[in-house]
Amino acid sequence: MRKENGVQNIIIVVLAITVLVMTVGYAAFTRNLTINNSTATFNKAKWDVHFDADSYSETSTIQSTSHQVSDTSVMFNVTLPKPGDTYSFTINAKNYGTIAAKMVNLSMTSLSEAQSKYITYTVNYDGTSYSASTSGLNIPLAAEATHTVTVTVSYVLPSNPADLPTEDVNVSLTAAFDYQDAA
C-alpha cells in the first residue's frame, strides 16, 4: 500500500507540475489588446445637384435679351426675328455633393401642333438629344461630376409657308431635370 501511495504521489506531483507548466506556457502566449479612447468621425453626407452659373455660355449668333441662372433654374428671353434663326446656350449641371446622383426624368414643354411647324426645341444632356419629356432615365452623375446641357430653340421654315405665325408669338419653354440619389 505504501508503494501504491508513493506511485500515486508521484503521479499527483507530475500532474501538478504539468498543470503549472501549462499555466505558465498559456500566460506566456497570451496577450491582452485594448482599444482605448478611440473616436471615429463621419463627415455629413451632402446632396447638392445644381447648375454651375459660371459655365453659362451662349453658343449662337442670336443673343438673349436677358438670362438668369439660379442654383436650379435657367431663365432666358430671346427674340428670333425670322425663319432660320437659332438661339442656343450651354451650361453645366454639377453634382457638388458627396452622394452620387442619377437623372431619372426630363420634363420638357410640349409645343402645340401649330408651334411645332415652325419651332424646334431640343435639350442635349450629356451627349443625348431630347425633344420631348422622357421618363425612366438612369443617367448617373457621380459626386463632384459635371454633365453638359445644351438648349437650342430654332425658328424653322415650315413646308407650307401658310403655317408661319401671322403675329408675334411668345412661347414659354421649360425643361426640368429630376435627380435622385444613385443608391
N, C-alpha and C. Protein backbone atom coordinates (compact mmCIF):
# COMPACT_ATOMS: atom_id res chain seq x y z
N MET A 1 0.81 -1.15 0.00
CA MET A 1 0.00 0.00 0.00
C MET A 1 0.89 1.26 0.00
N ARG A 2 1.94 1.14 0.67
CA ARG A 2 2.84 2.24 0.70
C ARG A 2 3.43 2.51 -0.67
N LYS A 3 3.66 1.44 -1.40
CA LYS A 3 4.20 1.57 -2.73
C LYS A 3 3.16 2.22 -3.65
N GLU A 4 1.93 1.82 -3.46
CA GLU A 4 0.87 2.42 -4.25
C GLU A 4 0.73 3.90 -3.92
N ASN A 5 0.83 4.25 -2.66
CA ASN A 5 0.75 5.65 -2.25
C ASN A 5 1.91 6.44 -2.83
N GLY A 6 3.06 5.85 -2.94
CA GLY A 6 4.23 6.52 -3.49
C GLY A 6 4.04 6.78 -4.98
N VAL A 7 3.48 5.79 -5.70
CA VAL A 7 3.23 5.94 -7.13
C VAL A 7 2.15 7.01 -7.33
N GLN A 8 1.10 6.99 -6.49
CA GLN A 8 0.05 7.99 -6.60
C GLN A 8 0.60 9.39 -6.33
N ASN A 9 1.47 9.49 -5.34
CA ASN A 9 2.04 10.79 -5.02
C ASN A 9 2.89 11.31 -6.18
N ILE A 10 3.65 10.41 -6.81
CA ILE A 10 4.49 10.81 -7.94
C ILE A 10 3.58 11.28 -9.10
N ILE A 11 2.50 10.55 -9.35
CA ILE A 11 1.59 10.91 -10.43
C ILE A 11 0.95 12.27 -10.12
N ILE A 12 0.57 12.50 -8.88
CA ILE A 12 -0.04 13.77 -8.49
C ILE A 12 0.96 14.90 -8.66
N VAL A 13 2.20 14.70 -8.26
CA VAL A 13 3.23 15.72 -8.39
C VAL A 13 3.49 16.00 -9.87
N VAL A 14 3.57 14.94 -10.70
CA VAL A 14 3.81 15.11 -12.14
C VAL A 14 2.63 15.88 -12.77
N LEU A 15 1.41 15.54 -12.39
CA LEU A 15 0.25 16.24 -12.91
C LEU A 15 0.26 17.71 -12.46
N ALA A 16 0.61 17.95 -11.22
CA ALA A 16 0.66 19.32 -10.70
C ALA A 16 1.71 20.12 -11.45
N ILE A 17 2.87 19.52 -11.70
CA ILE A 17 3.93 20.21 -12.44
C ILE A 17 3.47 20.48 -13.88
N THR A 18 2.78 19.50 -14.49
CA THR A 18 2.28 19.66 -15.86
C THR A 18 1.27 20.80 -15.92
N VAL A 19 0.36 20.86 -14.96
CA VAL A 19 -0.63 21.94 -14.92
C VAL A 19 0.08 23.26 -14.72
N LEU A 20 1.08 23.32 -13.87
CA LEU A 20 1.84 24.54 -13.62
C LEU A 20 2.57 24.99 -14.89
N VAL A 21 3.21 24.04 -15.58
CA VAL A 21 3.92 24.37 -16.83
C VAL A 21 2.93 24.85 -17.88
N MET A 22 1.76 24.21 -17.97
CA MET A 22 0.76 24.62 -18.95
C MET A 22 0.24 26.02 -18.63
N THR A 23 0.06 26.33 -17.36
CA THR A 23 -0.42 27.64 -16.94
C THR A 23 0.60 28.71 -17.30
N VAL A 24 1.86 28.45 -16.99
CA VAL A 24 2.92 29.40 -17.31
C VAL A 24 3.04 29.55 -18.83
N GLY A 25 2.94 28.44 -19.57
CA GLY A 25 3.01 28.48 -21.04
C GLY A 25 1.85 29.27 -21.62
N TYR A 26 0.66 29.05 -21.11
CA TYR A 26 -0.51 29.79 -21.59
C TYR A 26 -0.33 31.29 -21.32
N ALA A 27 0.15 31.61 -20.14
CA ALA A 27 0.37 33.02 -19.78
C ALA A 27 1.43 33.64 -20.68
N ALA A 28 2.43 32.88 -21.04
CA ALA A 28 3.50 33.40 -21.89
C ALA A 28 2.99 33.69 -23.30
N PHE A 29 2.00 32.94 -23.77
CA PHE A 29 1.49 33.11 -25.13
C PHE A 29 0.14 33.83 -25.15
N THR A 30 -0.24 34.49 -24.08
CA THR A 30 -1.48 35.23 -24.00
C THR A 30 -1.16 36.71 -23.87
N ARG A 31 -1.88 37.52 -24.65
CA ARG A 31 -1.67 38.95 -24.58
C ARG A 31 -3.02 39.62 -24.69
N ASN A 32 -3.27 40.59 -23.88
CA ASN A 32 -4.50 41.37 -23.95
C ASN A 32 -4.26 42.59 -24.82
N LEU A 33 -5.14 42.82 -25.77
CA LEU A 33 -5.10 44.03 -26.58
C LEU A 33 -6.29 44.89 -26.19
N THR A 34 -6.05 46.17 -26.05
CA THR A 34 -7.11 47.07 -25.61
C THR A 34 -7.15 48.28 -26.55
N ILE A 35 -8.36 48.67 -26.95
CA ILE A 35 -8.55 49.90 -27.71
C ILE A 35 -9.21 50.89 -26.76
N ASN A 36 -8.49 51.95 -26.47
CA ASN A 36 -8.98 52.95 -25.52
C ASN A 36 -9.14 54.30 -26.19
N ASN A 37 -10.08 55.07 -25.70
CA ASN A 37 -10.24 56.47 -26.09
C ASN A 37 -10.23 56.65 -27.61
N SER A 38 -10.95 55.82 -28.32
CA SER A 38 -10.98 55.89 -29.77
C SER A 38 -12.20 56.66 -30.23
N THR A 39 -12.04 57.35 -31.36
CA THR A 39 -13.17 58.06 -31.95
C THR A 39 -13.15 57.82 -33.46
N ALA A 40 -14.30 57.87 -34.04
CA ALA A 40 -14.44 57.84 -35.49
C ALA A 40 -15.29 59.03 -35.88
N THR A 41 -14.87 59.75 -36.91
CA THR A 41 -15.61 60.91 -37.37
C THR A 41 -16.18 60.61 -38.74
N PHE A 42 -17.44 60.87 -38.91
CA PHE A 42 -18.11 60.66 -40.18
C PHE A 42 -18.59 62.02 -40.67
N ASN A 43 -18.06 62.46 -41.80
CA ASN A 43 -18.50 63.74 -42.36
C ASN A 43 -19.94 63.61 -42.82
N LYS A 44 -20.66 64.70 -42.71
CA LYS A 44 -22.06 64.66 -43.11
C LYS A 44 -22.16 64.40 -44.61
N ALA A 45 -23.16 63.65 -44.99
CA ALA A 45 -23.44 63.42 -46.40
C ALA A 45 -24.06 64.69 -46.96
N LYS A 46 -23.74 64.99 -48.19
CA LYS A 46 -24.21 66.24 -48.78
C LYS A 46 -24.85 65.96 -50.12
N TRP A 47 -26.12 66.36 -50.28
CA TRP A 47 -26.86 66.23 -51.53
C TRP A 47 -26.94 67.62 -52.14
N ASP A 48 -26.32 67.81 -53.32
CA ASP A 48 -26.29 69.15 -53.90
C ASP A 48 -26.05 69.07 -55.41
N VAL A 49 -27.12 68.95 -56.17
CA VAL A 49 -27.04 68.96 -57.63
C VAL A 49 -27.67 70.25 -58.11
N HIS A 50 -26.89 71.06 -58.85
CA HIS A 50 -27.45 72.28 -59.41
C HIS A 50 -26.60 72.77 -60.58
N PHE A 51 -27.10 73.84 -61.23
CA PHE A 51 -26.40 74.40 -62.37
C PHE A 51 -25.20 75.22 -61.91
N ASP A 52 -24.13 75.16 -62.68
CA ASP A 52 -22.94 75.96 -62.45
C ASP A 52 -23.11 77.26 -63.23
N ALA A 53 -23.51 78.31 -62.53
CA ALA A 53 -23.82 79.59 -63.19
C ALA A 53 -22.62 80.12 -63.97
N ASP A 54 -21.42 79.87 -63.51
CA ASP A 54 -20.22 80.39 -64.19
C ASP A 54 -19.98 79.71 -65.54
N SER A 55 -20.61 78.57 -65.77
CA SER A 55 -20.38 77.84 -67.03
C SER A 55 -21.35 78.25 -68.14
N TYR A 56 -22.32 79.11 -67.84
CA TYR A 56 -23.33 79.52 -68.83
C TYR A 56 -22.65 80.24 -69.99
N SER A 57 -22.93 79.78 -71.21
CA SER A 57 -22.42 80.49 -72.39
C SER A 57 -23.41 80.36 -73.53
N GLU A 58 -23.64 81.47 -74.22
CA GLU A 58 -24.50 81.46 -75.39
C GLU A 58 -23.66 81.00 -76.57
N THR A 59 -24.21 80.06 -77.31
CA THR A 59 -23.42 79.41 -78.37
C THR A 59 -24.03 79.65 -79.75
N SER A 60 -24.74 80.75 -79.91
CA SER A 60 -25.35 81.07 -81.20
C SER A 60 -25.09 82.53 -81.53
N THR A 61 -25.34 82.89 -82.77
CA THR A 61 -25.13 84.29 -83.17
C THR A 61 -26.22 85.19 -82.62
N ILE A 62 -27.42 84.65 -82.41
CA ILE A 62 -28.51 85.41 -81.78
C ILE A 62 -28.25 85.37 -80.28
N GLN A 63 -28.29 86.51 -79.63
CA GLN A 63 -28.06 86.59 -78.20
C GLN A 63 -29.39 86.81 -77.48
N SER A 64 -29.46 86.35 -76.24
CA SER A 64 -30.68 86.57 -75.46
C SER A 64 -30.75 88.04 -75.04
N THR A 65 -31.97 88.52 -74.85
CA THR A 65 -32.12 89.88 -74.33
C THR A 65 -31.87 89.90 -72.83
N SER A 66 -32.05 88.75 -72.19
CA SER A 66 -31.70 88.60 -70.78
C SER A 66 -31.64 87.11 -70.45
N HIS A 67 -30.87 86.80 -69.44
CA HIS A 67 -30.85 85.44 -68.90
C HIS A 67 -30.52 85.52 -67.42
N GLN A 68 -30.98 84.54 -66.69
CA GLN A 68 -30.75 84.49 -65.26
C GLN A 68 -30.55 83.04 -64.86
N VAL A 69 -29.49 82.78 -64.11
CA VAL A 69 -29.19 81.43 -63.66
C VAL A 69 -29.23 81.42 -62.14
N SER A 70 -30.05 80.53 -61.58
CA SER A 70 -30.01 80.30 -60.13
C SER A 70 -29.47 78.88 -59.96
N ASP A 71 -29.43 78.42 -58.74
CA ASP A 71 -28.90 77.08 -58.50
C ASP A 71 -29.60 76.01 -59.32
N THR A 72 -30.91 76.11 -59.40
CA THR A 72 -31.67 75.01 -60.01
C THR A 72 -32.49 75.41 -61.23
N SER A 73 -32.32 76.65 -61.72
CA SER A 73 -33.08 77.03 -62.90
C SER A 73 -32.30 78.02 -63.77
N VAL A 74 -32.65 77.99 -65.04
CA VAL A 74 -32.10 78.94 -66.01
C VAL A 74 -33.29 79.57 -66.71
N MET A 75 -33.28 80.89 -66.79
CA MET A 75 -34.35 81.61 -67.46
C MET A 75 -33.69 82.46 -68.54
N PHE A 76 -34.28 82.46 -69.74
CA PHE A 76 -33.75 83.31 -70.80
C PHE A 76 -34.90 83.92 -71.59
N ASN A 77 -34.63 85.08 -72.18
CA ASN A 77 -35.57 85.74 -73.09
C ASN A 77 -34.82 85.99 -74.38
N VAL A 78 -35.43 85.56 -75.46
CA VAL A 78 -34.78 85.73 -76.76
C VAL A 78 -35.85 86.01 -77.80
N THR A 79 -35.49 86.79 -78.81
CA THR A 79 -36.38 87.04 -79.93
C THR A 79 -35.72 86.46 -81.18
N LEU A 80 -36.46 85.62 -81.87
CA LEU A 80 -35.99 85.06 -83.13
C LEU A 80 -36.79 85.74 -84.24
N PRO A 81 -36.18 86.68 -84.98
CA PRO A 81 -36.93 87.51 -85.91
C PRO A 81 -37.42 86.81 -87.18
N LYS A 82 -36.70 85.78 -87.64
CA LYS A 82 -37.10 85.21 -88.94
C LYS A 82 -36.76 83.72 -88.99
N PRO A 83 -37.43 83.00 -89.87
CA PRO A 83 -37.10 81.58 -90.04
C PRO A 83 -35.61 81.41 -90.37
N GLY A 84 -35.02 80.41 -89.76
CA GLY A 84 -33.59 80.16 -89.91
C GLY A 84 -32.79 80.63 -88.70
N ASP A 85 -33.39 81.47 -87.86
CA ASP A 85 -32.69 81.95 -86.66
C ASP A 85 -32.73 80.88 -85.56
N THR A 86 -31.63 80.81 -84.83
CA THR A 86 -31.50 79.82 -83.76
C THR A 86 -30.86 80.47 -82.55
N TYR A 87 -31.35 80.10 -81.38
CA TYR A 87 -30.72 80.51 -80.12
C TYR A 87 -30.29 79.25 -79.39
N SER A 88 -29.09 79.29 -78.82
CA SER A 88 -28.58 78.12 -78.12
C SER A 88 -27.67 78.57 -76.97
N PHE A 89 -27.76 77.87 -75.86
CA PHE A 89 -26.83 78.11 -74.75
C PHE A 89 -26.40 76.78 -74.15
N THR A 90 -25.27 76.83 -73.48
CA THR A 90 -24.72 75.64 -72.80
C THR A 90 -24.47 76.01 -71.35
N ILE A 91 -24.76 75.04 -70.47
CA ILE A 91 -24.50 75.21 -69.04
C ILE A 91 -24.19 73.83 -68.46
N ASN A 92 -23.46 73.81 -67.38
CA ASN A 92 -23.13 72.54 -66.73
C ASN A 92 -24.07 72.25 -65.57
N ALA A 93 -24.57 71.02 -65.53
CA ALA A 93 -25.27 70.51 -64.35
C ALA A 93 -24.19 69.80 -63.53
N LYS A 94 -24.03 70.20 -62.29
CA LYS A 94 -22.93 69.67 -61.49
C LYS A 94 -23.44 69.08 -60.19
N ASN A 95 -22.82 67.97 -59.81
CA ASN A 95 -23.10 67.35 -58.51
C ASN A 95 -22.02 67.86 -57.54
N TYR A 96 -22.37 68.85 -56.75
CA TYR A 96 -21.45 69.41 -55.77
C TYR A 96 -21.42 68.59 -54.49
N GLY A 97 -22.25 67.58 -54.41
CA GLY A 97 -22.40 66.79 -53.19
C GLY A 97 -21.42 65.64 -53.07
N THR A 98 -21.63 64.87 -52.02
CA THR A 98 -20.81 63.68 -51.75
C THR A 98 -21.58 62.40 -52.06
N ILE A 99 -22.81 62.55 -52.50
CA ILE A 99 -23.66 61.40 -52.81
C ILE A 99 -23.85 61.34 -54.32
N ALA A 100 -23.60 60.19 -54.91
CA ALA A 100 -23.81 60.02 -56.35
C ALA A 100 -25.30 60.20 -56.65
N ALA A 101 -25.58 60.81 -57.79
CA ALA A 101 -26.96 61.07 -58.20
C ALA A 101 -27.20 60.41 -59.56
N LYS A 102 -28.47 60.41 -59.94
CA LYS A 102 -28.82 59.97 -61.29
C LYS A 102 -30.02 60.78 -61.75
N MET A 103 -30.01 61.14 -63.05
CA MET A 103 -31.17 61.83 -63.62
C MET A 103 -32.16 60.75 -64.04
N VAL A 104 -33.39 60.87 -63.56
CA VAL A 104 -34.40 59.84 -63.83
C VAL A 104 -35.51 60.31 -64.76
N ASN A 105 -35.73 61.63 -64.86
CA ASN A 105 -36.78 62.18 -65.72
C ASN A 105 -36.33 63.50 -66.30
N LEU A 106 -36.76 63.76 -67.51
CA LEU A 106 -36.58 65.06 -68.15
C LEU A 106 -37.97 65.50 -68.61
N SER A 107 -38.46 66.59 -68.03
CA SER A 107 -39.78 67.11 -68.40
C SER A 107 -39.58 68.36 -69.24
N MET A 108 -40.08 68.33 -70.46
CA MET A 108 -39.94 69.45 -71.37
C MET A 108 -41.31 70.00 -71.78
N THR A 109 -41.36 71.30 -72.04
CA THR A 109 -42.56 71.91 -72.57
C THR A 109 -42.94 71.22 -73.88
N SER A 110 -44.22 70.94 -74.01
CA SER A 110 -44.72 70.40 -75.28
C SER A 110 -45.17 71.57 -76.15
N LEU A 111 -44.72 71.58 -77.37
CA LEU A 111 -45.16 72.61 -78.31
C LEU A 111 -46.52 72.22 -78.86
N SER A 112 -47.33 73.20 -79.14
CA SER A 112 -48.63 72.90 -79.76
C SER A 112 -48.37 72.40 -81.18
N GLU A 113 -49.38 71.84 -81.79
CA GLU A 113 -49.23 71.33 -83.16
C GLU A 113 -48.83 72.46 -84.11
N ALA A 114 -49.46 73.63 -83.94
CA ALA A 114 -49.13 74.78 -84.80
C ALA A 114 -47.69 75.23 -84.55
N GLN A 115 -47.28 75.33 -83.28
CA GLN A 115 -45.93 75.78 -82.95
C GLN A 115 -44.87 74.82 -83.47
N SER A 116 -45.16 73.53 -83.41
CA SER A 116 -44.16 72.55 -83.83
C SER A 116 -43.88 72.60 -85.33
N LYS A 117 -44.69 73.35 -86.07
CA LYS A 117 -44.46 73.50 -87.51
C LYS A 117 -43.37 74.53 -87.80
N TYR A 118 -43.14 75.47 -86.85
CA TYR A 118 -42.12 76.49 -87.10
C TYR A 118 -41.13 76.67 -85.94
N ILE A 119 -41.25 75.85 -84.89
CA ILE A 119 -40.31 75.91 -83.77
C ILE A 119 -39.75 74.51 -83.51
N THR A 120 -38.45 74.44 -83.31
CA THR A 120 -37.86 73.21 -82.77
C THR A 120 -37.22 73.58 -81.44
N TYR A 121 -37.34 72.69 -80.51
CA TYR A 121 -36.84 72.91 -79.15
C TYR A 121 -36.19 71.61 -78.71
N THR A 122 -34.88 71.65 -78.48
CA THR A 122 -34.16 70.44 -78.07
C THR A 122 -33.28 70.73 -76.86
N VAL A 123 -33.08 69.69 -76.08
CA VAL A 123 -32.16 69.73 -74.95
C VAL A 123 -31.18 68.58 -75.16
N ASN A 124 -29.91 68.92 -75.20
CA ASN A 124 -28.88 67.90 -75.29
C ASN A 124 -28.28 67.76 -73.90
N TYR A 125 -28.44 66.58 -73.31
CA TYR A 125 -27.95 66.32 -71.96
C TYR A 125 -26.85 65.27 -72.03
N ASP A 126 -25.65 65.67 -71.73
CA ASP A 126 -24.50 64.77 -71.69
C ASP A 126 -24.38 63.94 -72.97
N GLY A 127 -24.60 64.61 -74.12
CA GLY A 127 -24.41 63.95 -75.41
C GLY A 127 -25.65 63.30 -76.01
N THR A 128 -26.77 63.30 -75.30
CA THR A 128 -28.01 62.72 -75.82
C THR A 128 -29.02 63.83 -76.03
N SER A 129 -29.63 63.85 -77.21
CA SER A 129 -30.57 64.91 -77.56
C SER A 129 -32.01 64.47 -77.25
N TYR A 130 -32.78 65.39 -76.66
CA TYR A 130 -34.18 65.14 -76.31
C TYR A 130 -35.02 66.27 -76.90
N SER A 131 -36.21 65.91 -77.42
CA SER A 131 -37.12 66.93 -77.93
C SER A 131 -38.51 66.77 -77.29
N ALA A 132 -38.60 65.90 -76.31
CA ALA A 132 -39.88 65.69 -75.59
C ALA A 132 -39.56 65.15 -74.20
N SER A 133 -40.54 65.23 -73.32
CA SER A 133 -40.37 64.69 -71.97
C SER A 133 -40.03 63.21 -72.05
N THR A 134 -39.13 62.79 -71.17
CA THR A 134 -38.66 61.41 -71.17
C THR A 134 -38.55 60.95 -69.72
N SER A 135 -39.19 59.83 -69.41
CA SER A 135 -39.11 59.28 -68.05
C SER A 135 -38.37 57.95 -68.10
N GLY A 136 -38.11 57.40 -66.94
CA GLY A 136 -37.44 56.11 -66.85
C GLY A 136 -35.97 56.18 -67.20
N LEU A 137 -35.38 57.37 -67.09
CA LEU A 137 -33.95 57.51 -67.37
C LEU A 137 -33.14 57.01 -66.18
N ASN A 138 -31.90 56.71 -66.41
CA ASN A 138 -30.99 56.29 -65.34
C ASN A 138 -29.59 56.76 -65.74
N ILE A 139 -29.41 58.09 -65.73
CA ILE A 139 -28.15 58.68 -66.17
C ILE A 139 -27.36 59.09 -64.94
N PRO A 140 -26.28 58.34 -64.61
CA PRO A 140 -25.53 58.63 -63.39
C PRO A 140 -24.78 59.96 -63.45
N LEU A 141 -24.72 60.60 -62.32
CA LEU A 141 -23.93 61.82 -62.13
C LEU A 141 -23.17 61.64 -60.81
N ALA A 142 -21.92 61.22 -60.92
CA ALA A 142 -21.11 60.91 -59.75
C ALA A 142 -20.91 62.16 -58.88
N ALA A 143 -20.56 61.94 -57.64
CA ALA A 143 -20.24 63.06 -56.74
C ALA A 143 -19.13 63.89 -57.38
N GLU A 144 -19.32 65.19 -57.37
CA GLU A 144 -18.38 66.18 -57.89
C GLU A 144 -18.19 66.09 -59.42
N ALA A 145 -19.09 65.41 -60.12
CA ALA A 145 -19.00 65.30 -61.58
C ALA A 145 -19.90 66.35 -62.24
N THR A 146 -19.69 66.53 -63.53
CA THR A 146 -20.41 67.54 -64.30
C THR A 146 -20.95 66.93 -65.59
N HIS A 147 -22.16 67.31 -65.98
CA HIS A 147 -22.73 66.97 -67.28
C HIS A 147 -23.08 68.27 -68.01
N THR A 148 -22.82 68.29 -69.29
CA THR A 148 -23.10 69.47 -70.11
C THR A 148 -24.54 69.43 -70.62
N VAL A 149 -25.22 70.56 -70.51
CA VAL A 149 -26.59 70.71 -71.00
C VAL A 149 -26.58 71.82 -72.06
N THR A 150 -27.10 71.50 -73.24
CA THR A 150 -27.21 72.49 -74.30
C THR A 150 -28.68 72.59 -74.70
N VAL A 151 -29.21 73.82 -74.67
CA VAL A 151 -30.61 74.07 -75.04
C VAL A 151 -30.59 74.84 -76.36
N THR A 152 -31.40 74.37 -77.31
CA THR A 152 -31.47 75.02 -78.62
C THR A 152 -32.93 75.25 -79.01
N VAL A 153 -33.22 76.49 -79.41
CA VAL A 153 -34.55 76.86 -79.91
C VAL A 153 -34.34 77.43 -81.31
N SER A 154 -35.09 76.90 -82.28
CA SER A 154 -34.93 77.35 -83.66
C SER A 154 -36.27 77.75 -84.25
N TYR A 155 -36.21 78.78 -85.06
CA TYR A 155 -37.36 79.25 -85.84
C TYR A 155 -37.14 78.67 -87.24
N VAL A 156 -37.92 77.67 -87.60
CA VAL A 156 -37.69 76.95 -88.85
C VAL A 156 -38.75 77.32 -89.89
N LEU A 157 -38.37 77.19 -91.13
CA LEU A 157 -39.30 77.45 -92.22
C LEU A 157 -40.13 76.19 -92.45
N PRO A 158 -41.44 76.28 -92.23
CA PRO A 158 -42.28 75.09 -92.43
C PRO A 158 -42.40 74.74 -93.91
N SER A 159 -42.83 73.53 -94.19
CA SER A 159 -43.01 73.10 -95.58
C SER A 159 -44.10 73.92 -96.26
N ASN A 160 -45.08 74.37 -95.49
CA ASN A 160 -46.15 75.21 -96.03
C ASN A 160 -46.00 76.61 -95.40
N PRO A 161 -45.61 77.63 -96.19
CA PRO A 161 -45.43 78.98 -95.63
C PRO A 161 -46.67 79.52 -94.93
N ALA A 162 -47.84 79.00 -95.23
CA ALA A 162 -49.07 79.45 -94.55
C ALA A 162 -49.05 79.06 -93.07
N ASP A 163 -48.16 78.14 -92.68
CA ASP A 163 -48.06 77.71 -91.28
C ASP A 163 -47.23 78.68 -90.43
N LEU A 164 -46.61 79.67 -91.06
CA LEU A 164 -45.85 80.66 -90.29
C LEU A 164 -46.81 81.51 -89.47
N PRO A 165 -46.39 81.98 -88.28
CA PRO A 165 -47.29 82.81 -87.48
C PRO A 165 -47.55 84.15 -88.19
N THR A 166 -48.76 84.65 -88.01
CA THR A 166 -49.14 85.92 -88.65
C THR A 166 -48.94 87.11 -87.71
N GLU A 167 -48.60 86.83 -86.45
CA GLU A 167 -48.27 87.88 -85.48
C GLU A 167 -47.20 87.33 -84.54
N ASP A 168 -46.60 88.19 -83.74
CA ASP A 168 -45.56 87.76 -82.81
C ASP A 168 -46.11 86.71 -81.86
N VAL A 169 -45.30 85.71 -81.56
CA VAL A 169 -45.71 84.63 -80.67
C VAL A 169 -44.68 84.52 -79.55
N ASN A 170 -45.17 84.57 -78.32
CA ASN A 170 -44.31 84.33 -77.16
C ASN A 170 -44.52 82.89 -76.71
N VAL A 171 -43.44 82.17 -76.57
CA VAL A 171 -43.52 80.78 -76.15
C VAL A 171 -42.70 80.64 -74.87
N SER A 172 -43.31 80.06 -73.87
CA SER A 172 -42.61 79.78 -72.60
C SER A 172 -42.12 78.34 -72.65
N LEU A 173 -40.81 78.17 -72.58
CA LEU A 173 -40.21 76.84 -72.68
C LEU A 173 -39.61 76.45 -71.33
N THR A 174 -39.81 75.21 -70.96
CA THR A 174 -39.31 74.70 -69.69
C THR A 174 -38.69 73.33 -69.90
N ALA A 175 -37.60 73.12 -69.20
CA ALA A 175 -37.01 71.77 -69.11
C ALA A 175 -36.65 71.55 -67.65
N ALA A 176 -37.17 70.50 -67.07
CA ALA A 176 -36.90 70.17 -65.66
C ALA A 176 -36.20 68.83 -65.60
N PHE A 177 -35.07 68.81 -64.91
CA PHE A 177 -34.27 67.59 -64.77
C PHE A 177 -34.50 67.05 -63.36
N ASP A 178 -35.02 65.84 -63.25
CA ASP A 178 -35.30 65.24 -61.95
C ASP A 178 -34.18 64.27 -61.58
N TYR A 179 -33.56 64.54 -60.43
CA TYR A 179 -32.45 63.72 -59.95
C TYR A 179 -32.87 62.97 -58.68
N GLN A 180 -32.27 61.81 -58.48
CA GLN A 180 -32.40 61.05 -57.25
C GLN A 180 -31.01 60.59 -56.84
N ASP A 181 -30.90 60.14 -55.59
CA ASP A 181 -29.60 59.58 -55.23
C ASP A 181 -29.44 58.26 -55.99
N ALA A 182 -28.21 57.92 -56.28
CA ALA A 182 -27.94 56.76 -57.14
C ALA A 182 -27.92 55.45 -56.36
N ALA A 183 -28.20 55.50 -55.08
CA ALA A 183 -28.15 54.27 -54.29
C ALA A 183 -29.30 53.35 -54.60
